[in-house]
């Protein structure tokens, strides 16, 4: 059975560049063994993350994947853990979903969040 992985990555800042990076990561991961998902990537194709009401809708959309236990693990990418990623980590931990930092920066920040 394939592992369904939620790919968490910062979006704010250079949104276009960050979304391109998420697309690259998902393409690199996608195989018979790993199915990457990044629901926020899809939503940001037609929503504006800079508009608070659209951002809130996007966050609610993402959280639905957590509530439904749609994926097996949360993988952290990027140069930092953003506020949105911290919320995703909190939701994953609430539902008992393993969180796996995949970059040096996210590993360092994740460890700091855990008091290490």
PDB file of N, CA and C in Angstrom:
ATOM      1  N   UNK A   1       0.845  -1.187   0.000  1.00  0.00           N
ATOM      2  CA  UNK A   1       0.000   0.000   0.000  1.00  0.00           C
ATOM      3  C   UNK A   1       0.887   1.246   0.000  1.00  0.00           C
ATOM      4  N   UNK A   2       0.506   2.216  -0.777  1.00  0.00           N
ATOM      5  CA  UNK A   2       1.280   3.462  -0.875  1.00  0.00           C
ATOM      6  C   UNK A   2       1.091   4.326   0.367  1.00  0.00           C
ATOM      7  N   UNK A   3       2.132   5.057   0.687  1.00  0.00           N
ATOM      8  CA  UNK A   3       2.109   6.012   1.789  1.00  0.00           C
ATOM      9  C   UNK A   3       1.580   7.337   1.250  1.00  0.00           C
ATOM     10  N   UNK A   4       0.503   7.840   1.835  1.00  0.00           N
ATOM     11  CA  UNK A   4      -0.029   9.146   1.439  1.00  0.00           C
ATOM     12  C   UNK A   4       0.598  10.176   2.365  1.00  0.00           C
ATOM     13  N   UNK A   5       1.303  11.135   1.777  1.00  0.00           N
ATOM     14  CA  UNK A   5       2.090  12.111   2.525  1.00  0.00           C
ATOM     15  C   UNK A   5       1.570  13.517   2.256  1.00  0.00           C
ATOM     16  N   UNK A   6       1.259  14.233   3.324  1.00  0.00           N
ATOM     17  CA  UNK A   6       0.895  15.649   3.226  1.00  0.00           C
ATOM     18  C   UNK A   6       2.199  16.435   3.217  1.00  0.00           C
ATOM     19  N   UNK A   7       2.430  17.192   2.156  1.00  0.00           N
ATOM     20  CA  UNK A   7       3.650  17.977   2.003  1.00  0.00           C
ATOM     21  C   UNK A   7       3.388  19.387   2.533  1.00  0.00           C
ATOM     22  N   UNK A   8       4.010  19.710   3.660  1.00  0.00           N
ATOM     23  CA  UNK A   8       3.879  21.045   4.257  1.00  0.00           C
ATOM     24  C   UNK A   8       5.088  21.889   3.848  1.00  0.00           C
ATOM     25  N   UNK A   9       4.817  23.115   3.437  1.00  0.00           N
ATOM     26  CA  UNK A   9       5.872  24.023   2.968  1.00  0.00           C
ATOM     27  C   UNK A   9       5.371  25.453   3.183  1.00  0.00           C
ATOM     28  N   UNK A  10       6.248  26.388   3.548  1.00  0.00           N
ATOM     29  CA  UNK A  10       5.803  27.785   3.657  1.00  0.00           C
ATOM     30  C   UNK A  10       5.264  28.285   2.316  1.00  0.00           C
ATOM     31  N   UNK A  11       4.266  29.141   2.383  1.00  0.00           N
ATOM     32  CA  UNK A  11       3.697  29.731   1.162  1.00  0.00           C
ATOM     33  C   UNK A  11       3.951  31.233   1.131  1.00  0.00           C
ATOM     34  N   UNK A  12       3.713  31.916   2.237  1.00  0.00           N
ATOM     35  CA  UNK A  12       3.834  33.377   2.285  1.00  0.00           C
ATOM     36  C   UNK A  12       5.232  33.835   1.896  1.00  0.00           C
ATOM     37  N   UNK A  13       5.318  35.071   1.494  1.00  0.00           N
ATOM     38  CA  UNK A  13       6.581  35.632   1.018  1.00  0.00           C
ATOM     39  C   UNK A  13       6.546  35.631  -0.489  1.00  0.00           C
ATOM     40  N   UNK A  14       7.388  34.833  -1.100  1.00  0.00           N
ATOM     41  CA  UNK A  14       7.373  34.689  -2.552  1.00  0.00           C
ATOM     42  C   UNK A  14       6.451  33.523  -2.894  1.00  0.00           C
ATOM     43  N   UNK A  15       5.157  33.798  -2.958  1.00  0.00           N
ATOM     44  CA  UNK A  15       4.145  32.757  -3.139  1.00  0.00           C
ATOM     45  C   UNK A  15       4.414  31.950  -4.413  1.00  0.00           C
ATOM     46  N   UNK A  16       4.680  32.627  -5.504  1.00  0.00           N
ATOM     47  CA  UNK A  16       4.899  31.935  -6.786  1.00  0.00           C
ATOM     48  C   UNK A  16       6.084  30.971  -6.699  1.00  0.00           C
ATOM     49  N   UNK A  17       7.178  31.425  -6.141  1.00  0.00           N
ATOM     50  CA  UNK A  17       8.371  30.577  -6.000  1.00  0.00           C
ATOM     51  C   UNK A  17       8.110  29.419  -5.040  1.00  0.00           C
ATOM     52  N   UNK A  18       7.425  29.689  -3.927  1.00  0.00           N
ATOM     53  CA  UNK A  18       7.138  28.640  -2.954  1.00  0.00           C
ATOM     54  C   UNK A  18       6.213  27.577  -3.541  1.00  0.00           C
ATOM     55  N   UNK A  19       5.216  27.994  -4.311  1.00  0.00           N
ATOM     56  CA  UNK A  19       4.323  27.016  -4.935  1.00  0.00           C
ATOM     57  C   UNK A  19       5.048  26.190  -5.989  1.00  0.00           C
ATOM     58  N   UNK A  20       5.978  26.821  -6.700  1.00  0.00           N
ATOM     59  CA  UNK A  20       6.792  26.077  -7.673  1.00  0.00           C
ATOM     60  C   UNK A  20       7.638  25.031  -6.958  1.00  0.00           C
ATOM     61  N   UNK A  21       8.137  25.372  -5.785  1.00  0.00           N
ATOM     62  CA  UNK A  21       8.940  24.424  -5.004  1.00  0.00           C
ATOM     63  C   UNK A  21       8.079  23.265  -4.513  1.00  0.00           C
ATOM     64  N   UNK A  22       6.864  23.544  -4.085  1.00  0.00           N
ATOM     65  CA  UNK A  22       5.950  22.476  -3.651  1.00  0.00           C
ATOM     66  C   UNK A  22       5.672  21.540  -4.824  1.00  0.00           C
ATOM     67  N   UNK A  23       5.432  22.105  -5.984  1.00  0.00           N
ATOM     68  CA  UNK A  23       5.185  21.294  -7.181  1.00  0.00           C
ATOM     69  C   UNK A  23       6.392  20.408  -7.479  1.00  0.00           C
ATOM     70  N   UNK A  24       7.597  20.962  -7.373  1.00  0.00           N
ATOM     71  CA  UNK A  24       8.818  20.201  -7.631  1.00  0.00           C
ATOM     72  C   UNK A  24       8.958  19.054  -6.627  1.00  0.00           C
ATOM     73  N   UNK A  25       8.719  19.349  -5.344  1.00  0.00           N
ATOM     74  CA  UNK A  25       8.821  18.338  -4.297  1.00  0.00           C
ATOM     75  C   UNK A  25       7.835  17.200  -4.558  1.00  0.00           C
ATOM     76  N   UNK A  26       6.599  17.557  -4.857  1.00  0.00           N
ATOM     77  CA  UNK A  26       5.576  16.530  -5.096  1.00  0.00           C
ATOM     78  C   UNK A  26       5.945  15.672  -6.308  1.00  0.00           C
ATOM     79  N   UNK A  27       6.433  16.294  -7.358  1.00  0.00           N
ATOM     80  CA  UNK A  27       6.836  15.539  -8.546  1.00  0.00           C
ATOM     81  C   UNK A  27       7.986  14.590  -8.226  1.00  0.00           C
ATOM     82  N   UNK A  28       8.911  15.045  -7.406  1.00  0.00           N
ATOM     83  CA  UNK A  28      10.058  14.222  -7.017  1.00  0.00           C
ATOM     84  C   UNK A  28       9.633  13.041  -6.141  1.00  0.00           C
ATOM     85  N   UNK A  29       8.679  13.259  -5.253  1.00  0.00           N
ATOM     86  CA  UNK A  29       8.246  12.215  -4.331  1.00  0.00           C
ATOM     87  C   UNK A  29       7.320  11.180  -4.963  1.00  0.00           C
ATOM     88  N   UNK A  30       6.523  11.604  -5.923  1.00  0.00           N
ATOM     89  CA  UNK A  30       5.454  10.756  -6.462  1.00  0.00           C
ATOM     90  C   UNK A  30       6.015   9.468  -7.061  1.00  0.00           C
ATOM     91  N   UNK A  31       5.527   8.348  -6.533  1.00  0.00           N
ATOM     92  CA  UNK A  31       5.953   7.038  -7.000  1.00  0.00           C
ATOM     93  C   UNK A  31       4.863   6.033  -6.636  1.00  0.00           C
ATOM     94  N   UNK A  32       5.131   4.769  -6.895  1.00  0.00           N
ATOM     95  CA  UNK A  32       4.181   3.726  -6.490  1.00  0.00           C
ATOM     96  C   UNK A  32       4.118   3.597  -4.975  1.00  0.00           C
ATOM     97  N   UNK A  33       5.188   4.048  -4.291  1.00  0.00           N
ATOM     98  CA  UNK A  33       5.256   3.917  -2.837  1.00  0.00           C
ATOM     99  C   UNK A  33       4.778   5.160  -2.091  1.00  0.00           C
ATOM    100  N   UNK A  34       4.854   6.332  -2.724  1.00  0.00           N
ATOM    101  CA  UNK A  34       4.515   7.588  -2.055  1.00  0.00           C
ATOM    102  C   UNK A  34       3.565   8.405  -2.921  1.00  0.00           C
ATOM    103  N   UNK A  35       2.447   8.791  -2.335  1.00  0.00           N
ATOM    104  CA  UNK A  35       1.492   9.695  -2.982  1.00  0.00           C
ATOM    105  C   UNK A  35       1.504  11.015  -2.222  1.00  0.00           C
ATOM    106  N   UNK A  36       2.180  12.029  -2.744  1.00  0.00           N
ATOM    107  CA  UNK A  36       2.208  13.318  -2.045  1.00  0.00           C
ATOM    108  C   UNK A  36       0.923  14.100  -2.306  1.00  0.00           C
ATOM    109  N   UNK A  37       0.465  14.797  -1.274  1.00  0.00           N
ATOM    110  CA  UNK A  37      -0.668  15.711  -1.445  1.00  0.00           C
ATOM    111  C   UNK A  37      -0.287  17.067  -0.862  1.00  0.00           C
ATOM    112  N   UNK A  38      -0.771  18.103  -1.485  1.00  0.00           N
ATOM    113  CA  UNK A  38      -0.577  19.475  -1.016  1.00  0.00           C
ATOM    114  C   UNK A  38      -1.840  20.237  -1.408  1.00  0.00           C
ATOM    115  N   UNK A  39      -2.920  20.035  -0.662  1.00  0.00           N
ATOM    116  CA  UNK A  39      -4.203  20.626  -1.055  1.00  0.00           C
ATOM    117  C   UNK A  39      -4.159  22.143  -1.179  1.00  0.00           C
ATOM    118  N   UNK A  40      -3.349  22.803  -0.382  1.00  0.00           N
ATOM    119  CA  UNK A  40      -3.232  24.259  -0.457  1.00  0.00           C
ATOM    120  C   UNK A  40      -2.664  24.696  -1.799  1.00  0.00           C
ATOM    121  N   UNK A  41      -1.810  23.869  -2.405  1.00  0.00           N
ATOM    122  CA  UNK A  41      -1.240  24.197  -3.718  1.00  0.00           C
ATOM    123  C   UNK A  41      -2.359  24.330  -4.741  1.00  0.00           C
ATOM    124  N   UNK A  42      -3.260  23.373  -4.736  1.00  0.00           N
ATOM    125  CA  UNK A  42      -4.386  23.411  -5.674  1.00  0.00           C
ATOM    126  C   UNK A  42      -5.256  24.642  -5.416  1.00  0.00           C
ATOM    127  N   UNK A  43      -5.562  24.884  -4.174  1.00  0.00           N
ATOM    128  CA  UNK A  43      -6.448  25.995  -3.840  1.00  0.00           C
ATOM    129  C   UNK A  43      -5.831  27.339  -4.242  1.00  0.00           C
ATOM    130  N   UNK A  44      -4.516  27.452  -4.103  1.00  0.00           N
ATOM    131  CA  UNK A  44      -3.863  28.721  -4.429  1.00  0.00           C
ATOM    132  C   UNK A  44      -3.728  28.962  -5.937  1.00  0.00           C
ATOM    133  N   UNK A  45      -4.194  28.029  -6.738  1.00  0.00           N
ATOM    134  CA  UNK A  45      -4.246  28.254  -8.173  1.00  0.00           C
ATOM    135  C   UNK A  45      -5.394  29.217  -8.521  1.00  0.00           C
ATOM    136  N   UNK A  46      -6.374  29.325  -7.606  1.00  0.00           N
ATOM    137  CA  UNK A  46      -7.523  30.192  -7.871  1.00  0.00           C
ATOM    138  C   UNK A  46      -7.904  31.079  -6.689  1.00  0.00           C
ATOM    139  N   UNK A  47      -7.199  30.987  -5.563  1.00  0.00           N
ATOM    140  CA  UNK A  47      -7.446  31.835  -4.404  1.00  0.00           C
ATOM    141  C   UNK A  47      -6.226  32.724  -4.161  1.00  0.00           C
ATOM    142  N   UNK A  48      -6.426  33.790  -3.410  1.00  0.00           N
ATOM    143  CA  UNK A  48      -5.346  34.726  -3.085  1.00  0.00           C
ATOM    144  C   UNK A  48      -5.028  34.621  -1.597  1.00  0.00           C
ATOM    145  N   UNK A  49      -3.852  34.080  -1.270  1.00  0.00           N
ATOM    146  CA  UNK A  49      -3.437  33.877   0.114  1.00  0.00           C
ATOM    147  C   UNK A  49      -3.307  35.187   0.885  1.00  0.00           C
ATOM    148  N   UNK A  50      -3.152  36.298   0.170  1.00  0.00           N
ATOM    149  CA  UNK A  50      -3.000  37.608   0.819  1.00  0.00           C
ATOM    150  C   UNK A  50      -4.342  38.176   1.293  1.00  0.00           C
ATOM    151  N   UNK A  51      -5.443  37.618   0.831  1.00  0.00           N
ATOM    152  CA  UNK A  51      -6.772  38.080   1.254  1.00  0.00           C
ATOM    153  C   UNK A  51      -7.221  37.224   2.435  1.00  0.00           C
ATOM    154  N   UNK A  52      -7.397  37.860   3.607  1.00  0.00           N
ATOM    155  CA  UNK A  52      -7.698  37.096   4.834  1.00  0.00           C
ATOM    156  C   UNK A  52      -8.876  36.131   4.711  1.00  0.00           C
ATOM    157  N   UNK A  53      -9.947  36.531   4.056  1.00  0.00           N
ATOM    158  CA  UNK A  53     -11.109  35.647   3.956  1.00  0.00           C
ATOM    159  C   UNK A  53     -10.809  34.430   3.084  1.00  0.00           C
ATOM    160  N   UNK A  54     -10.004  34.622   2.032  1.00  0.00           N
ATOM    161  CA  UNK A  54      -9.639  33.487   1.180  1.00  0.00           C
ATOM    162  C   UNK A  54      -8.611  32.598   1.877  1.00  0.00           C
ATOM    163  N   UNK A  55      -7.706  33.202   2.635  1.00  0.00           N
ATOM    164  CA  UNK A  55      -6.729  32.415   3.405  1.00  0.00           C
ATOM    165  C   UNK A  55      -7.451  31.553   4.434  1.00  0.00           C
ATOM    166  N   UNK A  56      -8.430  32.125   5.130  1.00  0.00           N
ATOM    167  CA  UNK A  56      -9.186  31.372   6.135  1.00  0.00           C
ATOM    168  C   UNK A  56      -9.917  30.194   5.489  1.00  0.00           C
ATOM    169  N   UNK A  57     -10.478  30.415   4.322  1.00  0.00           N
ATOM    170  CA  UNK A  57     -11.154  29.338   3.601  1.00  0.00           C
ATOM    171  C   UNK A  57     -10.157  28.248   3.224  1.00  0.00           C
ATOM    172  N   UNK A  58      -8.965  28.658   2.809  1.00  0.00           N
ATOM    173  CA  UNK A  58      -7.922  27.701   2.453  1.00  0.00           C
ATOM    174  C   UNK A  58      -7.475  26.874   3.639  1.00  0.00           C
ATOM    175  N   UNK A  59      -7.342  27.502   4.791  1.00  0.00           N
ATOM    176  CA  UNK A  59      -6.940  26.778   6.002  1.00  0.00           C
ATOM    177  C   UNK A  59      -8.019  25.766   6.389  1.00  0.00           C
ATOM    178  N   UNK A  60      -9.278  26.171   6.309  1.00  0.00           N
ATOM    179  CA  UNK A  60     -10.376  25.249   6.614  1.00  0.00           C
ATOM    180  C   UNK A  60     -10.365  24.066   5.645  1.00  0.00           C
ATOM    181  N   UNK A  61     -10.075  24.341   4.394  1.00  0.00           N
ATOM    182  CA  UNK A  61      -9.986  23.300   3.362  1.00  0.00           C
ATOM    183  C   UNK A  61      -8.878  22.308   3.714  1.00  0.00           C
ATOM    184  N   UNK A  62      -7.712  22.813   4.094  1.00  0.00           N
ATOM    185  CA  UNK A  62      -6.596  21.943   4.474  1.00  0.00           C
ATOM    186  C   UNK A  62      -6.934  21.101   5.690  1.00  0.00           C
ATOM    187  N   UNK A  63      -7.579  21.709   6.680  1.00  0.00           N
ATOM    188  CA  UNK A  63      -7.870  21.011   7.926  1.00  0.00           C
ATOM    189  C   UNK A  63      -8.824  19.834   7.715  1.00  0.00           C
ATOM    190  N   UNK A  64      -9.630  19.900   6.676  1.00  0.00           N
ATOM    191  CA  UNK A  64     -10.529  18.798   6.362  1.00  0.00           C
ATOM    192  C   UNK A  64      -9.746  17.511   6.118  1.00  0.00           C
ATOM    193  N   UNK A  65      -8.572  17.614   5.511  1.00  0.00           N
ATOM    194  CA  UNK A  65      -7.731  16.446   5.266  1.00  0.00           C
ATOM    195  C   UNK A  65      -7.251  15.828   6.589  1.00  0.00           C
ATOM    196  N   UNK A  66      -7.004  16.666   7.569  1.00  0.00           N
ATOM    197  CA  UNK A  66      -6.592  16.173   8.885  1.00  0.00           C
ATOM    198  C   UNK A  66      -7.774  15.508   9.591  1.00  0.00           C
ATOM    199  N   UNK A  67      -8.918  16.180   9.605  1.00  0.00           N
ATOM    200  CA  UNK A  67     -10.108  15.663  10.282  1.00  0.00           C
ATOM    201  C   UNK A  67     -10.527  14.309   9.728  1.00  0.00           C
ATOM    202  N   UNK A  68     -10.307  14.111   8.454  1.00  0.00           N
ATOM    203  CA  UNK A  68     -10.726  12.861   7.815  1.00  0.00           C
ATOM    204  C   UNK A  68      -9.625  11.800   7.797  1.00  0.00           C
ATOM    205  N   UNK A  69      -8.487  12.096   8.413  1.00  0.00           N
ATOM    206  CA  UNK A  69      -7.348  11.167   8.410  1.00  0.00           C
ATOM    207  C   UNK A  69      -7.048  10.675   7.004  1.00  0.00           C
ATOM    208  N   UNK A  70      -6.965  11.610   6.085  1.00  0.00           N
ATOM    209  CA  UNK A  70      -6.791  11.292   4.674  1.00  0.00           C
ATOM    210  C   UNK A  70      -5.375  10.855   4.328  1.00  0.00           C
ATOM    211  N   UNK A  71      -4.407  11.209   5.146  1.00  0.00           N
ATOM    212  CA  UNK A  71      -3.014  10.884   4.834  1.00  0.00           C
ATOM    213  C   UNK A  71      -2.346  10.199   6.012  1.00  0.00           C
ATOM    214  N   UNK A  72      -1.195   9.594   5.737  1.00  0.00           N
ATOM    215  CA  UNK A  72      -0.502   8.800   6.755  1.00  0.00           C
ATOM    216  C   UNK A  72       0.554   9.579   7.532  1.00  0.00           C
ATOM    217  N   UNK A  73       1.243  10.509   6.861  1.00  0.00           N
ATOM    218  CA  UNK A  73       2.307  11.269   7.509  1.00  0.00           C
ATOM    219  C   UNK A  73       2.305  12.707   7.011  1.00  0.00           C
ATOM    220  N   UNK A  74       2.839  13.606   7.847  1.00  0.00           N
ATOM    221  CA  UNK A  74       3.043  15.011   7.494  1.00  0.00           C
ATOM    222  C   UNK A  74       4.542  15.218   7.338  1.00  0.00           C
ATOM    223  N   UNK A  75       4.977  15.653   6.160  1.00  0.00           N
ATOM    224  CA  UNK A  75       6.391  15.900   5.909  1.00  0.00           C
ATOM    225  C   UNK A  75       6.618  17.392   5.792  1.00  0.00           C
ATOM    226  N   UNK A  76       7.630  17.890   6.466  1.00  0.00           N
ATOM    227  CA  UNK A  76       7.931  19.319   6.526  1.00  0.00           C
ATOM    228  C   UNK A  76       9.091  19.672   5.591  1.00  0.00           C
ATOM    229  N   UNK A  77       8.859  20.644   4.737  1.00  0.00           N
ATOM    230  CA  UNK A  77       9.875  21.127   3.799  1.00  0.00           C
ATOM    231  C   UNK A  77      10.011  22.634   3.933  1.00  0.00           C
ATOM    232  N   UNK A  78      11.090  23.158   3.370  1.00  0.00           N
ATOM    233  CA  UNK A  78      11.287  24.600   3.321  1.00  0.00           C
ATOM    234  C   UNK A  78      12.391  25.069   4.242  1.00  0.00           C
ATOM    235  N   UNK A  79      12.528  26.398   4.293  1.00  0.00           N
ATOM    236  CA  UNK A  79      13.606  27.011   5.071  1.00  0.00           C
ATOM    237  C   UNK A  79      13.167  27.419   6.472  1.00  0.00           C
ATOM    238  N   UNK A  80      11.922  27.085   6.816  1.00  0.00           N
ATOM    239  CA  UNK A  80      11.401  27.433   8.136  1.00  0.00           C
ATOM    240  C   UNK A  80      10.066  26.717   8.344  1.00  0.00           C
ATOM    241  N   UNK A  81       9.581  26.731   9.570  1.00  0.00           N
ATOM    242  CA  UNK A  81       8.223  26.279   9.861  1.00  0.00           C
ATOM    243  C   UNK A  81       7.379  27.531  10.007  1.00  0.00           C
ATOM    244  N   UNK A  82       6.512  27.743   9.055  1.00  0.00           N
ATOM    245  CA  UNK A  82       5.650  28.926   9.058  1.00  0.00           C
ATOM    246  C   UNK A  82       4.516  28.757  10.067  1.00  0.00           C
ATOM    247  N   UNK A  83       3.764  29.821  10.276  1.00  0.00           N
ATOM    248  CA  UNK A  83       2.616  29.762  11.188  1.00  0.00           C
ATOM    249  C   UNK A  83       1.617  28.700  10.713  1.00  0.00           C
ATOM    250  N   UNK A  84       1.363  28.680   9.410  1.00  0.00           N
ATOM    251  CA  UNK A  84       0.445  27.675   8.856  1.00  0.00           C
ATOM    252  C   UNK A  84       0.956  26.260   9.062  1.00  0.00           C
ATOM    253  N   UNK A  85       2.259  26.073   8.880  1.00  0.00           N
ATOM    254  CA  UNK A  85       2.850  24.753   9.095  1.00  0.00           C
ATOM    255  C   UNK A  85       2.756  24.351  10.560  1.00  0.00           C
ATOM    256  N   UNK A  86       2.952  25.304  11.464  1.00  0.00           N
ATOM    257  CA  UNK A  86       2.834  25.015  12.899  1.00  0.00           C
ATOM    258  C   UNK A  86       1.414  24.540  13.216  1.00  0.00           C
ATOM    259  N   UNK A  87       0.425  25.148  12.581  1.00  0.00           N
ATOM    260  CA  UNK A  87      -0.963  24.720  12.768  1.00  0.00           C
ATOM    261  C   UNK A  87      -1.165  23.310  12.218  1.00  0.00           C
ATOM    262  N   UNK A  88      -0.527  23.012  11.085  1.00  0.00           N
ATOM    263  CA  UNK A  88      -0.629  21.673  10.504  1.00  0.00           C
ATOM    264  C   UNK A  88       0.030  20.639  11.414  1.00  0.00           C
ATOM    265  N   UNK A  89       1.159  20.990  12.000  1.00  0.00           N
ATOM    266  CA  UNK A  89       1.838  20.094  12.942  1.00  0.00           C
ATOM    267  C   UNK A  89       0.930  19.816  14.142  1.00  0.00           C
ATOM    268  N   UNK A  90       0.323  20.864  14.663  1.00  0.00           N
ATOM    269  CA  UNK A  90      -0.581  20.715  15.802  1.00  0.00           C
ATOM    270  C   UNK A  90      -1.731  19.768  15.472  1.00  0.00           C
ATOM    271  N   UNK A  91      -2.311  19.933  14.290  1.00  0.00           N
ATOM    272  CA  UNK A  91      -3.421  19.067  13.879  1.00  0.00           C
ATOM    273  C   UNK A  91      -2.943  17.627  13.705  1.00  0.00           C
ATOM    274  N   UNK A  92      -1.787  17.446  13.084  1.00  0.00           N
ATOM    275  CA  UNK A  92      -1.256  16.095  12.884  1.00  0.00           C
ATOM    276  C   UNK A  92      -1.049  15.413  14.229  1.00  0.00           C
ATOM    277  N   UNK A  93      -0.450  16.119  15.167  1.00  0.00           N
ATOM    278  CA  UNK A  93      -0.202  15.531  16.481  1.00  0.00           C
ATOM    279  C   UNK A  93      -1.515  15.215  17.196  1.00  0.00           C
ATOM    280  N   UNK A  94      -2.497  16.077  17.054  1.00  0.00           N
ATOM    281  CA  UNK A  94      -3.811  15.847  17.663  1.00  0.00           C
ATOM    282  C   UNK A  94      -4.422  14.533  17.167  1.00  0.00           C
ATOM    283  N   UNK A  95      -4.252  14.260  15.868  1.00  0.00           N
ATOM    284  CA  UNK A  95      -4.827  13.054  15.269  1.00  0.00           C
ATOM    285  C   UNK A  95      -3.861  11.865  15.247  1.00  0.00           C
ATOM    286  N   UNK A  96      -2.698  12.014  15.868  1.00  0.00           N
ATOM    287  CA  UNK A  96      -1.747  10.913  15.941  1.00  0.00           C
ATOM    288  C   UNK A  96      -1.039  10.614  14.628  1.00  0.00           C
ATOM    289  N   UNK A  97      -0.913  11.626  13.791  1.00  0.00           N
ATOM    290  CA  UNK A  97      -0.249  11.468  12.493  1.00  0.00           C
ATOM    291  C   UNK A  97       1.227  11.816  12.660  1.00  0.00           C
ATOM    292  N   UNK A  98       2.132  10.919  12.259  1.00  0.00           N
ATOM    293  CA  UNK A  98       3.565  11.198  12.392  1.00  0.00           C
ATOM    294  C   UNK A  98       3.993  12.430  11.592  1.00  0.00           C
ATOM    295  N   UNK A  99       4.883  13.217  12.184  1.00  0.00           N
ATOM    296  CA  UNK A  99       5.431  14.424  11.552  1.00  0.00           C
ATOM    297  C   UNK A  99       6.906  14.160  11.285  1.00  0.00           C
ATOM    298  N   UNK A 100       7.339  14.401  10.034  1.00  0.00           N
ATOM    299  CA  UNK A 100       8.719  14.118   9.640  1.00  0.00           C
ATOM    300  C   UNK A 100       9.350  15.346   8.980  1.00  0.00           C
ATOM    301  N   UNK A 101      10.234  16.039   9.686  1.00  0.00           N
ATOM    302  CA  UNK A 101      10.974  17.133   9.043  1.00  0.00           C
ATOM    303  C   UNK A 101      11.872  16.558   7.950  1.00  0.00           C
ATOM    304  N   UNK A 102      11.905  17.225   6.796  1.00  0.00           N
ATOM    305  CA  UNK A 102      12.678  16.722   5.666  1.00  0.00           C
ATOM    306  C   UNK A 102      13.794  17.666   5.229  1.00  0.00           C
ATOM    307  N   UNK A 103      13.920  18.794   5.902  1.00  0.00           N
ATOM    308  CA  UNK A 103      15.022  19.712   5.625  1.00  0.00           C
ATOM    309  C   UNK A 103      15.722  20.018   6.946  1.00  0.00           C
ATOM    310  N   UNK A 104      16.940  20.467   6.848  1.00  0.00           N
ATOM    311  CA  UNK A 104      17.701  20.800   8.058  1.00  0.00           C
ATOM    312  C   UNK A 104      16.997  21.893   8.857  1.00  0.00           C
ATOM    313  N   UNK A 105      16.492  22.902   8.158  1.00  0.00           N
ATOM    314  CA  UNK A 105      15.831  24.021   8.840  1.00  0.00           C
ATOM    315  C   UNK A 105      14.565  23.569   9.562  1.00  0.00           C
ATOM    316  N   UNK A 106      13.735  22.757   8.900  1.00  0.00           N
ATOM    317  CA  UNK A 106      12.501  22.316   9.563  1.00  0.00           C
ATOM    318  C   UNK A 106      12.816  21.351  10.704  1.00  0.00           C
ATOM    319  N   UNK A 107      13.861  20.552  10.560  1.00  0.00           N
ATOM    320  CA  UNK A 107      14.250  19.634  11.645  1.00  0.00           C
ATOM    321  C   UNK A 107      14.677  20.422  12.872  1.00  0.00           C
ATOM    322  N   UNK A 108      15.473  21.465  12.659  1.00  0.00           N
ATOM    323  CA  UNK A 108      15.954  22.300  13.767  1.00  0.00           C
ATOM    324  C   UNK A 108      14.778  23.006  14.455  1.00  0.00           C
ATOM    325  N   UNK A 109      13.881  23.577  13.673  1.00  0.00           N
ATOM    326  CA  UNK A 109      12.737  24.298  14.245  1.00  0.00           C
ATOM    327  C   UNK A 109      11.766  23.344  14.931  1.00  0.00           C
ATOM    328  N   UNK A 110      11.574  22.183  14.342  1.00  0.00           N
ATOM    329  CA  UNK A 110      10.663  21.188  14.930  1.00  0.00           C
ATOM    330  C   UNK A 110      11.200  20.735  16.286  1.00  0.00           C
ATOM    331  N   UNK A 111      12.489  20.488  16.362  1.00  0.00           N
ATOM    332  CA  UNK A 111      13.117  20.092  17.618  1.00  0.00           C
ATOM    333  C   UNK A 111      12.962  21.195  18.665  1.00  0.00           C
ATOM    334  N   UNK A 112      13.143  22.443  18.246  1.00  0.00           N
ATOM    335  CA  UNK A 112      12.982  23.580  19.164  1.00  0.00           C
ATOM    336  C   UNK A 112      11.538  23.693  19.661  1.00  0.00           C
ATOM    337  N   UNK A 113      10.568  23.414  18.772  1.00  0.00           N
ATOM    338  CA  UNK A 113       9.166  23.447  19.166  1.00  0.00           C
ATOM    339  C   UNK A 113       8.871  22.404  20.243  1.00  0.00           C
ATOM    340  N   UNK A 114       9.589  21.307  20.177  1.00  0.00           N
ATOM    341  CA  UNK A 114       9.369  20.195  21.109  1.00  0.00           C
ATOM    342  C   UNK A 114      10.199  20.347  22.381  1.00  0.00           C
ATOM    343  N   UNK A 115      10.936  21.460  22.475  1.00  0.00           N
ATOM    344  CA  UNK A 115      11.705  21.723  23.679  1.00  0.00           C
ATOM    345  C   UNK A 115      13.081  21.075  23.699  1.00  0.00           C
ATOM    346  N   UNK A 116      13.546  20.663  22.526  1.00  0.00           N
ATOM    347  CA  UNK A 116      14.849  19.985  22.470  1.00  0.00           C
ATOM    348  C   UNK A 116      15.972  20.858  22.018  1.00  0.00           C
TER     349      UNK A 116
END
